[in-house]
Amino acid sequence: MSGEKQKHKKPFKKKVSPGGHFSQAKQHHNLWKIAIYLLAAIAISSAVVAISLDFFRSSEPEVHKAALVDQLSLTFPNQNFIDTTTEILEQAGYTVDYYPGEEVTVEFYKNLPTHGYKIIILRVHSMTEGPHIVDLFTSELYSTSKYFYEQLTGKLRNVAYFYGDINTFFGITPSFIKSSMQGKFNNSIIVMMGCEGLKNPSMAEAFIEKGAKAYIGWSQSVSASHTDQATIYLLTHLVTEKQTIEQAVETTMKEVGPDPAYNSLLISYPISS
């Protein structure tokens, strides 16, 4: 090995300009500003979209639901009544669900409050049991082996169209309305078209307790033709002319009068509804 001294290379050092650290900090600061602006823009856009959706929702007409429960169709069918009633309600902005007689069962009544109807028309047979109870007919044939608890506690009864009929049906009592129906009514108007629906207030009180706004019914027996005619007038005054319940009932009675055979009157409950 020669005697010459070995030269050592100096390590390379990267030159950093005096303002380098300041430039990096400035870049980070600018990135934060951009991120904040983007987040603010997204928040503003979301708020605008939400307000727009609320505006369009509020500007849309509210759609109400109505039910026509036609248990009477099995014994006194009336297609003209169905068509006229549906037309009146639909023109007033209601969607209408029609339930023919064969669908009017105990289970149907049990779930009736859950559908959110604003108007419920009960074109059903009904009768009074003694001085204090009103029963609504189902189309479900009576059996001692079904709904044992409800029968035992007086929520369901055995009812017939005429005394001595072979075929009898389950009848819905006010107690069933109060404690066996699911959910609550949506501040509904109940139009009870059957006989003696307001001979006493038991059924009306049960519906009101279950969330109904008002209950309209007959004081005595009523013929199918008379109640059909009266209900068409009543609905016209209620949903087309926007009369109060009290006004609509009073106007209807002036137009159709009491039932000619039974002298039955159409009345509402509560009186100040």
C-alpha atoms as a PDB file:
ATOM      1  CA  MET A   1       0.000   0.000   0.000  1.00  0.00           C
ATOM      2  CA  SER A   2       1.389   3.400  -0.970  1.00  0.00           C
ATOM      3  CA  GLY A   3       2.261   5.952   1.611  1.00  0.00           C
ATOM      4  CA  GLU A   4      -0.153   8.458   0.215  1.00  0.00           C
ATOM      5  CA  LYS A   5      -2.844   9.635   2.614  1.00  0.00           C
ATOM      6  CA  GLN A   6      -6.326   8.365   1.759  1.00  0.00           C
ATOM      7  CA  LYS A   7      -8.754  11.175   1.040  1.00  0.00           C
ATOM      8  CA  HIS A   8     -12.109  11.042   2.900  1.00  0.00           C
ATOM      9  CA  LYS A   9     -15.242  12.443   1.257  1.00  0.00           C
ATOM     10  CA  LYS A  10     -17.256  14.848   3.289  1.00  0.00           C
ATOM     11  CA  PRO A  11     -20.897  13.769   3.893  1.00  0.00           C
ATOM     12  CA  PHE A  12     -23.419  15.550   1.670  1.00  0.00           C
ATOM     13  CA  LYS A  13     -25.649  18.038   3.430  1.00  0.00           C
ATOM     14  CA  LYS A  14     -28.890  19.237   1.834  1.00  0.00           C
ATOM     15  CA  LYS A  15     -29.181  22.926   1.811  1.00  0.00           C
ATOM     16  CA  VAL A  16     -32.387  24.270   3.250  1.00  0.00           C
ATOM     17  CA  SER A  17     -33.400  27.748   2.408  1.00  0.00           C
ATOM     18  CA  PRO A  18     -34.012  29.973   5.398  1.00  0.00           C
ATOM     19  CA  GLY A  19     -37.741  30.207   4.580  1.00  0.00           C
ATOM     20  CA  GLY A  20     -38.313  26.447   4.013  1.00  0.00           C
ATOM     21  CA  HIS A  21     -39.939  25.616   7.327  1.00  0.00           C
ATOM     22  CA  PHE A  22     -42.167  28.668   7.029  1.00  0.00           C
ATOM     23  CA  SER A  23     -43.317  27.572   3.521  1.00  0.00           C
ATOM     24  CA  GLN A  24     -44.325  24.119   4.765  1.00  0.00           C
ATOM     25  CA  ALA A  25     -46.315  25.613   7.636  1.00  0.00           C
ATOM     26  CA  LYS A  26     -48.011  27.971   5.227  1.00  0.00           C
ATOM     27  CA  GLN A  27     -48.960  25.042   2.971  1.00  0.00           C
ATOM     28  CA  HIS A  28     -50.472  23.167   5.917  1.00  0.00           C
ATOM     29  CA  HIS A  29     -52.389  26.286   6.905  1.00  0.00           C
ATOM     30  CA  ASN A  30     -53.752  26.659   3.368  1.00  0.00           C
ATOM     31  CA  LEU A  31     -54.829  22.987   3.303  1.00  0.00           C
ATOM     32  CA  TRP A  32     -56.719  23.485   6.571  1.00  0.00           C
ATOM     33  CA  LYS A  33     -58.454  26.540   5.145  1.00  0.00           C
ATOM     34  CA  ILE A  34     -59.493  24.598   2.031  1.00  0.00           C
ATOM     35  CA  ALA A  35     -60.818  21.709   4.166  1.00  0.00           C
ATOM     36  CA  ILE A  36     -62.823  24.126   6.342  1.00  0.00           C
ATOM     37  CA  TYR A  37     -64.292  25.809   3.250  1.00  0.00           C
ATOM     38  CA  LEU A  38     -65.259  22.421   1.807  1.00  0.00           C
ATOM     39  CA  LEU A  39     -66.910  21.325   5.049  1.00  0.00           C
ATOM     40  CA  ALA A  40     -68.796  24.624   5.260  1.00  0.00           C
ATOM     41  CA  ALA A  41     -69.962  24.247   1.654  1.00  0.00           C
ATOM     42  CA  ILE A  42     -71.178  20.702   2.330  1.00  0.00           C
ATOM     43  CA  ALA A  43     -73.014  21.824   5.478  1.00  0.00           C
ATOM     44  CA  ILE A  44     -74.689  24.705   3.647  1.00  0.00           C
ATOM     45  CA  SER A  45     -75.676  22.425   0.752  1.00  0.00           C
ATOM     46  CA  SER A  46     -77.167  19.874   3.152  1.00  0.00           C
ATOM     47  CA  ALA A  47     -79.150  22.574   4.923  1.00  0.00           C
ATOM     48  CA  VAL A  48     -80.473  23.913   1.611  1.00  0.00           C
ATOM     49  CA  VAL A  49     -81.522  20.408   0.532  1.00  0.00           C
ATOM     50  CA  ALA A  50     -83.262  19.763   3.876  1.00  0.00           C
ATOM     51  CA  ILE A  51     -85.132  23.076   3.723  1.00  0.00           C
ATOM     52  CA  SER A  52     -86.151  22.385   0.123  1.00  0.00           C
ATOM     53  CA  LEU A  53     -87.467  18.930   1.022  1.00  0.00           C
ATOM     54  CA  ASP A  54     -89.440  20.352   3.945  1.00  0.00           C
ATOM     55  CA  PHE A  55     -90.892  23.025   1.670  1.00  0.00           C
ATOM     56  CA  PHE A  56     -92.024  20.527  -0.932  1.00  0.00           C
ATOM     57  CA  ARG A  57     -93.454  18.235   1.748  1.00  0.00           C
ATOM     58  CA  SER A  58     -95.402  21.088   3.312  1.00  0.00           C
ATOM     59  CA  SER A  59     -96.680  22.259  -0.069  1.00  0.00           C
ATOM     60  CA  GLU A  60     -98.076  18.822  -0.911  1.00  0.00           C
ATOM     61  CA  PRO A  61    -101.752  18.379   0.019  1.00  0.00           C
ATOM     62  CA  GLU A  62    -102.251  16.133   3.057  1.00  0.00           C
ATOM     63  CA  VAL A  63    -103.852  12.835   2.102  1.00  0.00           C
ATOM     64  CA  HIS A  64    -106.319  11.366   4.599  1.00  0.00           C
ATOM     65  CA  LYS A  65    -107.550   7.789   4.675  1.00  0.00           C
ATOM     66  CA  ALA A  66    -111.135   6.580   5.017  1.00  0.00           C
ATOM     67  CA  ALA A  67    -112.597   3.093   5.489  1.00  0.00           C
ATOM     68  CA  LEU A  68    -115.957   1.771   4.329  1.00  0.00           C
ATOM     69  CA  VAL A  69    -116.716  -1.333   6.379  1.00  0.00           C
ATOM     70  CA  ASP A  70    -119.637  -2.985   4.579  1.00  0.00           C
ATOM     71  CA  GLN A  71    -120.762  -5.966   6.638  1.00  0.00           C
ATOM     72  CA  LEU A  72    -124.297  -5.106   5.464  1.00  0.00           C
ATOM     73  CA  SER A  73    -123.306  -6.067   1.910  1.00  0.00           C
ATOM     74  CA  LEU A  74    -124.056  -9.695   2.777  1.00  0.00           C
ATOM     75  CA  THR A  75    -127.732  -8.972   3.443  1.00  0.00           C
ATOM     76  CA  PHE A  76    -128.457  -5.518   1.927  1.00  0.00           C
ATOM     77  CA  PRO A  77    -125.935  -4.866  -0.872  1.00  0.00           C
ATOM     78  CA  ASN A  78    -125.943  -1.394  -2.400  1.00  0.00           C
ATOM     79  CA  GLN A  79    -123.336  -0.752  -5.097  1.00  0.00           C
ATOM     80  CA  ASN A  80    -124.636   2.750  -5.752  1.00  0.00           C
ATOM     81  CA  PHE A  81    -123.952   3.653  -2.124  1.00  0.00           C
ATOM     82  CA  ILE A  82    -120.396   2.290  -2.386  1.00  0.00           C
ATOM     83  CA  ASP A  83    -119.688   4.205  -5.606  1.00  0.00           C
ATOM     84  CA  THR A  84    -121.231   7.486  -4.417  1.00  0.00           C
ATOM     85  CA  THR A  85    -119.547   7.392  -1.013  1.00  0.00           C
ATOM     86  CA  THR A  86    -116.160   6.576  -2.537  1.00  0.00           C
ATOM     87  CA  GLU A  87    -116.506   9.404  -5.071  1.00  0.00           C
ATOM     88  CA  ILE A  88    -117.435  11.976  -2.385  1.00  0.00           C
ATOM     89  CA  LEU A  89    -114.462  11.010  -0.232  1.00  0.00           C
ATOM     90  CA  GLU A  90    -111.943  10.809  -3.073  1.00  0.00           C
ATOM     91  CA  GLN A  91    -112.953  14.205  -4.430  1.00  0.00           C
ATOM     92  CA  ALA A  92    -112.330  15.604  -0.962  1.00  0.00           C
ATOM     93  CA  GLY A  93    -108.778  14.185  -0.995  1.00  0.00           C
ATOM     94  CA  TYR A  94    -109.284  10.897   0.851  1.00  0.00           C
ATOM     95  CA  THR A  95    -108.002   7.513  -0.151  1.00  0.00           C
ATOM     96  CA  VAL A  96    -110.733   4.951   0.467  1.00  0.00           C
ATOM     97  CA  ASP A  97    -110.351   1.333   1.563  1.00  0.00           C
ATOM     98  CA  TYR A  98    -113.418  -0.833   1.055  1.00  0.00           C
ATOM     99  CA  TYR A  99    -114.030  -3.929   3.197  1.00  0.00           C
ATOM    100  CA  PRO A 100    -116.809  -6.259   1.992  1.00  0.00           C
ATOM    101  CA  GLY A 101    -118.910  -8.221   4.460  1.00  0.00           C
ATOM    102  CA  GLU A 102    -116.895 -11.435   4.406  1.00  0.00           C
ATOM    103  CA  GLU A 103    -113.795  -9.564   5.629  1.00  0.00           C
ATOM    104  CA  VAL A 104    -115.512  -8.123   8.696  1.00  0.00           C
ATOM    105  CA  THR A 105    -114.269 -10.601  11.285  1.00  0.00           C
ATOM    106  CA  VAL A 106    -113.209 -10.401  14.919  1.00  0.00           C
ATOM    107  CA  GLU A 107    -109.571 -10.016  13.841  1.00  0.00           C
ATOM    108  CA  PHE A 108    -110.557  -7.243  11.445  1.00  0.00           C
ATOM    109  CA  TYR A 109    -112.130  -5.224  14.266  1.00  0.00           C
ATOM    110  CA  LYS A 110    -109.173  -5.958  16.519  1.00  0.00           C
ATOM    111  CA  ASN A 111    -106.733  -4.305  14.069  1.00  0.00           C
ATOM    112  CA  LEU A 112    -108.976  -1.500  12.824  1.00  0.00           C
ATOM    113  CA  PRO A 113    -107.300   1.327  14.829  1.00  0.00           C
ATOM    114  CA  THR A 114    -103.851   0.480  13.418  1.00  0.00           C
ATOM    115  CA  HIS A 115    -104.641   1.705   9.881  1.00  0.00           C
ATOM    116  CA  GLY A 116    -104.787   5.410  10.712  1.00  0.00           C
ATOM    117  CA  TYR A 117    -108.196   6.164   9.196  1.00  0.00           C
ATOM    118  CA  LYS A 118    -109.628   9.663   9.702  1.00  0.00           C
ATOM    119  CA  ILE A 119    -113.170   8.573   8.771  1.00  0.00           C
ATOM    120  CA  ILE A 120    -114.556   5.085   9.420  1.00  0.00           C
ATOM    121  CA  ILE A 121    -117.982   4.255   8.006  1.00  0.00           C
ATOM    122  CA  LEU A 122    -119.459   1.216   9.726  1.00  0.00           C
ATOM    123  CA  ARG A 123    -122.200  -0.065   7.433  1.00  0.00           C
ATOM    124  CA  VAL A 124    -122.841  -2.954   9.782  1.00  0.00           C
ATOM    125  CA  HIS A 125    -125.727  -4.599  11.572  1.00  0.00           C
ATOM    126  CA  SER A 126    -125.958  -3.689  15.236  1.00  0.00           C
ATOM    127  CA  MET A 127    -128.272  -4.215  18.175  1.00  0.00           C
ATOM    128  CA  THR A 128    -128.629  -3.401  21.857  1.00  0.00           C
ATOM    129  CA  GLU A 129    -128.218  -5.942  24.639  1.00  0.00           C
ATOM    130  CA  GLY A 130    -130.314  -4.655  27.531  1.00  0.00           C
ATOM    131  CA  PRO A 131    -130.347  -0.954  28.380  1.00  0.00           C
ATOM    132  CA  HIS A 132    -126.574  -0.361  28.402  1.00  0.00           C
ATOM    133  CA  ILE A 133    -124.791  -2.361  25.676  1.00  0.00           C
ATOM    134  CA  VAL A 134    -124.576  -1.944  21.890  1.00  0.00           C
ATOM    135  CA  ASP A 135    -123.170  -4.837  19.821  1.00  0.00           C
ATOM    136  CA  LEU A 136    -121.625  -4.563  16.356  1.00  0.00           C
ATOM    137  CA  PHE A 137    -122.009  -7.582  14.091  1.00  0.00           C
ATOM    138  CA  THR A 138    -119.147  -9.431  12.474  1.00  0.00           C
ATOM    139  CA  SER A 139    -119.675 -11.857   9.601  1.00  0.00           C
ATOM    140  CA  GLU A 140    -117.789 -14.559  11.507  1.00  0.00           C
ATOM    141  CA  LEU A 141    -119.975 -17.480  12.525  1.00  0.00           C
ATOM    142  CA  TYR A 142    -120.209 -17.980  16.254  1.00  0.00           C
ATOM    143  CA  SER A 143    -118.376 -20.844  17.919  1.00  0.00           C
ATOM    144  CA  THR A 144    -117.930 -21.704  21.595  1.00  0.00           C
ATOM    145  CA  SER A 145    -114.422 -22.978  20.853  1.00  0.00           C
ATOM    146  CA  LYS A 146    -113.015 -19.668  19.554  1.00  0.00           C
ATOM    147  CA  TYR A 147    -111.956 -16.528  21.455  1.00  0.00           C
ATOM    148  CA  PHE A 148    -112.653 -18.261  24.750  1.00  0.00           C
ATOM    149  CA  TYR A 149    -111.174 -15.496  26.929  1.00  0.00           C
ATOM    150  CA  GLU A 150    -113.025 -12.719  25.066  1.00  0.00           C
ATOM    151  CA  GLN A 151    -116.313 -14.595  25.440  1.00  0.00           C
ATOM    152  CA  LEU A 152    -115.677 -15.325  29.106  1.00  0.00           C
ATOM    153  CA  THR A 153    -114.999 -11.650  29.851  1.00  0.00           C
ATOM    154  CA  GLY A 154    -117.968 -10.308  27.876  1.00  0.00           C
ATOM    155  CA  LYS A 155    -115.949  -8.723  25.079  1.00  0.00           C
ATOM    156  CA  LEU A 156    -117.627 -10.895  22.436  1.00  0.00           C
ATOM    157  CA  ARG A 157    -121.253 -12.016  22.286  1.00  0.00           C
ATOM    158  CA  ASN A 158    -123.384 -14.418  20.293  1.00  0.00           C
ATOM    159  CA  VAL A 159    -125.684 -12.308  18.061  1.00  0.00           C
ATOM    160  CA  ALA A 160    -128.300 -13.056  15.399  1.00  0.00           C
ATOM    161  CA  TYR A 161    -130.262 -11.033  12.850  1.00  0.00           C
ATOM    162  CA  PHE A 162    -133.555 -12.404  14.123  1.00  0.00           C
ATOM    163  CA  TYR A 163    -134.603 -14.297  17.219  1.00  0.00           C
ATOM    164  CA  GLY A 164    -134.323 -18.052  16.642  1.00  0.00           C
ATOM    165  CA  ASP A 165    -131.948 -17.824  13.657  1.00  0.00           C
ATOM    166  CA  ILE A 166    -129.853 -20.952  13.137  1.00  0.00           C
ATOM    167  CA  ASN A 167    -126.825 -18.946  12.015  1.00  0.00           C
ATOM    168  CA  THR A 168    -125.417 -16.694  14.700  1.00  0.00           C
ATOM    169  CA  PHE A 169    -122.316 -14.499  14.650  1.00  0.00           C
ATOM    170  CA  PHE A 170    -119.733 -12.989  16.923  1.00  0.00           C
ATOM    171  CA  GLY A 171    -120.783  -9.557  18.166  1.00  0.00           C
ATOM    172  CA  ILE A 172    -118.342  -6.840  19.220  1.00  0.00           C
ATOM    173  CA  THR A 173    -119.118  -5.149  22.555  1.00  0.00           C
ATOM    174  CA  PRO A 174    -117.876  -1.797  23.926  1.00  0.00           C
ATOM    175  CA  SER A 175    -115.544  -3.717  26.223  1.00  0.00           C
ATOM    176  CA  PHE A 176    -113.861  -5.259  23.168  1.00  0.00           C
ATOM    177  CA  ILE A 177    -113.360  -1.786  21.655  1.00  0.00           C
ATOM    178  CA  LYS A 178    -111.721  -0.529  24.839  1.00  0.00           C
ATOM    179  CA  SER A 179    -109.420  -3.415  25.707  1.00  0.00           C
ATOM    180  CA  SER A 180    -109.069  -5.852  22.783  1.00  0.00           C
ATOM    181  CA  MET A 181    -108.514  -3.500  19.849  1.00  0.00           C
ATOM    182  CA  GLN A 182    -104.863  -2.850  19.003  1.00  0.00           C
ATOM    183  CA  GLY A 183    -103.489   0.698  18.998  1.00  0.00           C
ATOM    184  CA  LYS A 184    -105.484   3.930  19.047  1.00  0.00           C
ATOM    185  CA  PHE A 185    -107.748   5.658  16.550  1.00  0.00           C
ATOM    186  CA  ASN A 186    -106.289   8.665  14.730  1.00  0.00           C
ATOM    187  CA  ASN A 187    -108.731  11.291  16.029  1.00  0.00           C
ATOM    188  CA  SER A 188    -111.204   9.511  13.744  1.00  0.00           C
ATOM    189  CA  ILE A 189    -114.835  10.247  12.961  1.00  0.00           C
ATOM    190  CA  ILE A 190    -116.889   7.063  13.351  1.00  0.00           C
ATOM    191  CA  VAL A 191    -120.071   6.931  11.257  1.00  0.00           C
ATOM    192  CA  MET A 192    -122.112   4.078  12.712  1.00  0.00           C
ATOM    193  CA  MET A 193    -124.861   3.291  10.189  1.00  0.00           C
ATOM    194  CA  GLY A 194    -126.516   0.349  11.940  1.00  0.00           C
ATOM    195  CA  CYS A 195    -129.552   0.132  14.203  1.00  0.00           C
ATOM    196  CA  GLU A 196    -129.525   1.630  17.711  1.00  0.00           C
ATOM    197  CA  GLY A 197    -125.903   2.747  17.504  1.00  0.00           C
ATOM    198  CA  LEU A 198    -126.702   5.616  19.865  1.00  0.00           C
ATOM    199  CA  LYS A 199    -129.700   4.229  21.689  1.00  0.00           C
ATOM    200  CA  ASN A 200    -127.287   4.408  24.610  1.00  0.00           C
ATOM    201  CA  PRO A 201    -123.785   5.937  24.663  1.00  0.00           C
ATOM    202  CA  SER A 202    -121.849   2.765  25.546  1.00  0.00           C
ATOM    203  CA  MET A 203    -120.372   2.140  22.082  1.00  0.00           C
ATOM    204  CA  ALA A 204    -119.761   5.838  21.459  1.00  0.00           C
ATOM    205  CA  GLU A 205    -117.912   6.196  24.759  1.00  0.00           C
ATOM    206  CA  ALA A 206    -115.763   3.164  23.941  1.00  0.00           C
ATOM    207  CA  PHE A 207    -114.683   4.610  20.578  1.00  0.00           C
ATOM    208  CA  ILE A 208    -113.949   8.021  22.121  1.00  0.00           C
ATOM    209  CA  GLU A 209    -111.875   6.382  24.859  1.00  0.00           C
ATOM    210  CA  LYS A 210    -109.958   4.543  22.116  1.00  0.00           C
ATOM    211  CA  GLY A 211    -108.974   7.787  20.378  1.00  0.00           C
ATOM    212  CA  ALA A 212    -111.901   8.668  18.104  1.00  0.00           C
ATOM    213  CA  LYS A 213    -112.889  12.319  17.753  1.00  0.00           C
ATOM    214  CA  ALA A 214    -116.629  11.738  17.356  1.00  0.00           C
ATOM    215  CA  TYR A 215    -119.220   9.006  16.889  1.00  0.00           C
ATOM    216  CA  ILE A 216    -122.382   9.443  14.791  1.00  0.00           C
ATOM    217  CA  GLY A 217    -125.263   6.962  14.994  1.00  0.00           C
ATOM    218  CA  TRP A 218    -129.006   6.325  15.146  1.00  0.00           C
ATOM    219  CA  SER A 219    -131.192   6.534  18.226  1.00  0.00           C
ATOM    220  CA  GLN A 220    -133.389   3.562  17.235  1.00  0.00           C
ATOM    221  CA  SER A 221    -133.649   0.960  14.482  1.00  0.00           C
ATOM    222  CA  VAL A 222    -133.156   2.231  10.925  1.00  0.00           C
ATOM    223  CA  SER A 223    -133.771   0.779   7.475  1.00  0.00           C
ATOM    224  CA  ALA A 224    -130.836   0.154   5.142  1.00  0.00           C
ATOM    225  CA  SER A 225    -132.217   2.504   2.487  1.00  0.00           C
ATOM    226  CA  HIS A 226    -132.693   5.373   4.955  1.00  0.00           C
ATOM    227  CA  THR A 227    -129.269   5.087   6.548  1.00  0.00           C
ATOM    228  CA  ASP A 228    -127.637   4.854   3.103  1.00  0.00           C
ATOM    229  CA  GLN A 229    -129.322   8.048   1.943  1.00  0.00           C
ATOM    230  CA  ALA A 230    -128.575   9.901   5.166  1.00  0.00           C
ATOM    231  CA  THR A 231    -124.899   8.896   5.142  1.00  0.00           C
ATOM    232  CA  ILE A 232    -124.402  10.239   1.622  1.00  0.00           C
ATOM    233  CA  TYR A 233    -125.846  13.610   2.687  1.00  0.00           C
ATOM    234  CA  LEU A 234    -123.807  13.556   5.892  1.00  0.00           C
ATOM    235  CA  LEU A 235    -120.492  12.931   4.114  1.00  0.00           C
ATOM    236  CA  THR A 236    -121.218  15.649   1.577  1.00  0.00           C
ATOM    237  CA  HIS A 237    -121.716  18.180   4.357  1.00  0.00           C
ATOM    238  CA  LEU A 238    -118.686  16.951   6.322  1.00  0.00           C
ATOM    239  CA  VAL A 239    -115.935  16.556   3.712  1.00  0.00           C
ATOM    240  CA  THR A 240    -117.164  18.575   0.728  1.00  0.00           C
ATOM    241  CA  GLU A 241    -118.782  21.564   2.440  1.00  0.00           C
ATOM    242  CA  LYS A 242    -116.480  21.345   5.500  1.00  0.00           C
ATOM    243  CA  GLN A 243    -119.315  21.735   7.997  1.00  0.00           C
ATOM    244  CA  THR A 244    -118.744  20.874  11.632  1.00  0.00           C
ATOM    245  CA  ILE A 245    -119.976  17.482  12.781  1.00  0.00           C
ATOM    246  CA  GLU A 246    -122.855  19.055  14.658  1.00  0.00           C
ATOM    247  CA  GLN A 247    -123.847  21.176  11.645  1.00  0.00           C
ATOM    248  CA  ALA A 248    -123.562  18.239   9.229  1.00  0.00           C
ATOM    249  CA  VAL A 249    -125.798  16.018  11.379  1.00  0.00           C
ATOM    250  CA  GLU A 250    -128.363  18.780  11.840  1.00  0.00           C
ATOM    251  CA  THR A 251    -128.437  19.613   8.120  1.00  0.00           C
ATOM    252  CA  THR A 252    -128.750  15.936   7.187  1.00  0.00           C
ATOM    253  CA  MET A 253    -131.706  15.450   9.524  1.00  0.00           C
ATOM    254  CA  LYS A 254    -133.472  18.448   7.986  1.00  0.00           C
ATOM    255  CA  GLU A 255    -132.995  16.910   4.537  1.00  0.00           C
ATOM    256  CA  VAL A 256    -133.868  13.241   5.161  1.00  0.00           C
ATOM    257  CA  GLY A 257    -135.859  13.393   8.387  1.00  0.00           C
ATOM    258  CA  PRO A 258    -136.271  10.580  10.932  1.00  0.00           C
ATOM    259  CA  ASP A 259    -136.542   7.017   9.689  1.00  0.00           C
ATOM    260  CA  PRO A 260    -140.170   6.748   8.485  1.00  0.00           C
ATOM    261  CA  ALA A 261    -140.673   3.269   9.944  1.00  0.00           C
ATOM    262  CA  TYR A 262    -138.874   3.563  13.294  1.00  0.00           C
ATOM    263  CA  ASN A 263    -138.747   7.338  13.882  1.00  0.00           C
ATOM    264  CA  SER A 264    -135.007   7.003  14.487  1.00  0.00           C
ATOM    265  CA  LEU A 265    -132.871  10.150  14.700  1.00  0.00           C
ATOM    266  CA  LEU A 266    -129.269  10.647  13.589  1.00  0.00           C
ATOM    267  CA  ILE A 267    -127.219  12.125  16.441  1.00  0.00           C
ATOM    268  CA  SER A 268    -123.585  12.652  17.325  1.00  0.00           C
ATOM    269  CA  TYR A 269    -121.467  12.006  20.400  1.00  0.00           C
ATOM    270  CA  PRO A 270    -120.114  13.962  22.144  1.00  0.00           C
ATOM    271  CA  ILE A 271    -122.837  16.565  21.618  1.00  0.00           C
ATOM    272  CA  SER A 272    -120.368  19.434  21.182  1.00  0.00           C
ATOM    273  CA  SER A 273    -118.269  17.604  18.543  1.00  0.00           C
END
